[in-house]
Protein backbone atom coordinates (compact mmCIF):
# COMPACT_ATOMS: atom_id res chain seq x y z
CA SER A 1 -0.02 -0.11 -0.06
CA THR A 2 0.89 3.75 -0.03
CA ASP A 3 0.44 4.00 3.66
CA GLN A 4 2.92 6.10 5.48
CA PRO A 5 5.10 3.85 7.73
CA GLU A 6 5.55 5.32 11.28
CA MET A 7 8.79 6.33 12.63
CA PRO A 8 9.87 4.74 15.76
CA ALA A 9 10.32 7.49 18.68
CA LYS A 10 12.77 5.55 20.52
CA GLY A 11 15.90 3.82 19.98
CA THR A 12 19.19 4.72 18.44
CA ALA A 13 18.87 6.19 14.77
CA ARG A 14 20.18 2.65 13.32
CA HIS A 15 17.20 0.96 14.97
CA ARG A 16 14.58 3.45 14.43
CA LEU A 17 15.82 3.87 10.68
CA THR A 18 15.78 -0.07 10.32
CA ALA A 19 12.08 -0.46 11.47
CA PHE A 20 11.09 2.45 9.22
CA MET A 21 12.67 0.95 6.30
CA GLN A 22 11.55 -2.68 6.98
CA ALA A 23 7.91 -1.33 7.31
CA TRP A 24 8.24 0.72 4.09
CA CYS A 25 9.78 -2.20 2.15
CA ARG A 26 6.61 -4.33 3.66
CA ALA A 27 4.47 -1.74 2.07
CA MET A 28 6.09 -1.59 -1.33
CA GLN A 29 5.77 -5.32 -1.88
CA ASP A 30 2.00 -4.48 -2.70
CA GLU A 31 1.86 -5.27 -6.72
CA ARG A 32 -1.42 -2.95 -7.02
CA ALA A 33 0.52 -0.04 -5.28
CA ALA A 34 3.45 -0.59 -7.55
CA ARG A 35 1.30 -0.51 -10.84
CA LEU A 36 -0.57 2.79 -9.37
CA SER A 37 2.89 4.15 -8.42
CA SER A 38 4.66 3.50 -11.98
CA ALA A 39 1.43 4.98 -13.92
CA LEU A 40 1.51 7.94 -11.45
CA LEU A 41 5.17 8.63 -12.02
CA GLY A 42 4.65 8.32 -15.67
CA GLU A 43 1.78 11.02 -15.71
CA ALA A 44 3.57 13.10 -12.98
CA TYR A 45 6.70 13.46 -15.61
CA ARG A 46 4.14 15.08 -17.94
CA ASN A 47 2.16 17.06 -15.61
CA ARG A 48 4.46 19.59 -13.50
CA VAL A 49 1.50 20.25 -11.17
CA LEU A 50 0.72 16.66 -10.65
CA GLY A 51 4.30 16.00 -10.26
CA GLU A 52 4.72 18.41 -7.51
CA ALA A 53 1.72 16.79 -5.63
CA VAL A 54 3.00 13.33 -5.99
CA ARG A 55 6.49 14.19 -4.81
CA LYS A 56 4.94 16.17 -1.56
CA ALA A 57 2.62 13.06 -0.84
CA PHE A 58 4.93 10.10 -1.36
CA VAL A 59 8.45 10.97 -1.58
CA ASP A 60 8.85 14.40 0.68
CA SER A 61 7.25 13.06 3.76
CA ARG A 62 9.30 9.91 3.94
CA ARG A 63 12.49 11.78 3.40
CA GLN A 64 11.86 14.40 5.93
CA LYS A 65 11.34 11.47 8.50
CA VAL A 66 14.61 10.06 7.59
CA LEU A 67 16.60 13.31 7.30
CA ALA A 68 15.50 14.09 10.94
CA VAL A 69 16.61 11.01 12.48
CA LEU A 70 20.02 11.34 10.35
CA ARG A 71 20.26 14.76 11.90
CA GLU A 72 19.83 13.39 15.31
CA ALA A 73 22.11 10.54 14.70
CA ALA A 74 25.05 13.08 13.63
CA GLU A 75 24.17 15.18 16.65
CA ARG A 76 24.54 12.20 18.98
CA GLY A 77 27.55 10.80 17.48
CA GLU A 78 26.02 7.80 15.79
CA LEU A 79 27.31 8.99 12.33
CA HIS A 80 30.78 10.51 11.68
CA PRO A 81 30.90 14.34 11.61
CA GLY A 82 30.41 15.79 8.11
CA VAL A 83 28.38 13.13 6.68
CA ASP A 84 26.31 14.28 3.77
CA LEU A 85 22.75 13.95 5.48
CA GLU A 86 20.80 14.50 2.17
CA LEU A 87 23.05 11.85 0.39
CA ALA A 88 22.68 9.49 3.32
CA ALA A 89 18.79 9.77 2.87
CA ASP A 90 18.96 9.19 -0.92
CA LEU A 91 21.39 5.93 -0.21
CA LEU A 92 18.54 4.50 2.01
CA LEU A 93 15.28 5.74 0.06
CA GLY A 94 16.81 5.60 -3.69
CA PRO A 95 17.33 1.86 -3.89
CA VAL A 96 13.83 0.90 -2.97
CA LEU A 97 12.07 3.46 -5.24
CA MET A 98 14.42 1.98 -8.09
CA ARG A 99 13.47 -1.64 -7.41
CA ARG A 100 9.64 -0.71 -7.16
CA LEU A 101 9.28 1.98 -10.24
CA ILE A 102 12.32 0.94 -12.44
CA THR A 103 13.52 -2.62 -12.39
CA GLN A 104 10.75 -4.34 -10.55
CA ALA A 105 13.52 -6.09 -8.58
CA THR A 106 12.24 -8.00 -5.32
CA ILE A 107 11.72 -5.70 -2.34
CA THR A 108 11.88 -7.47 1.03
CA PRO A 109 12.29 -5.98 4.59
CA ALA A 110 15.72 -7.45 4.48
CA LEU A 111 16.46 -4.95 1.64
CA GLY A 112 15.68 -2.19 4.42
CA ARG A 113 17.83 -3.62 7.08
CA LYS A 114 20.85 -4.08 4.49
CA LEU A 115 20.46 -0.51 3.30
CA VAL A 116 20.76 0.75 7.07
CA ASP A 117 23.53 -1.53 7.60
CA ILE A 118 25.59 -0.27 4.87
CA LEU A 119 24.89 3.02 5.69
CA PHE A 120 25.81 2.85 9.40
CA ASP A 121 28.75 0.20 8.83
CA ARG A 122 30.40 2.93 6.57
CA TYR A 123 29.62 6.20 8.35
CA GLY A 124 28.85 5.05 12.01
CA PRO A 125 31.16 5.40 14.82
CA GLN A 126 32.85 2.11 14.11
CA GLY A 127 33.00 2.53 9.91
CA ARG A 128 36.17 3.68 8.15
């Protein structure tokens, strides 16, 4: 479905983002929603007003939730100083959208966990 997953209010950023991404990946498994999203995306590309509405409804709200947690993570030292948080949000959300809208590759909650793990393994306190 296109329902918005909730961002957990408590826990480490890694924990919160993992739960959020897994819930979103579960929602993105819905084939009807995938067909609707693809059709909407195509029309949104041709219609600027619709495109803005689609972006606000389906992308911006998720991205803002993720960015808020990434900002908190940076402030608490859960991410290296200087990490590009906008890019980090794209690294989490982009692959799911790519699989759903472009490649139609499999999306599972495990994908959500892997994406968060990649980000924190590289940019977390123990990362390179």
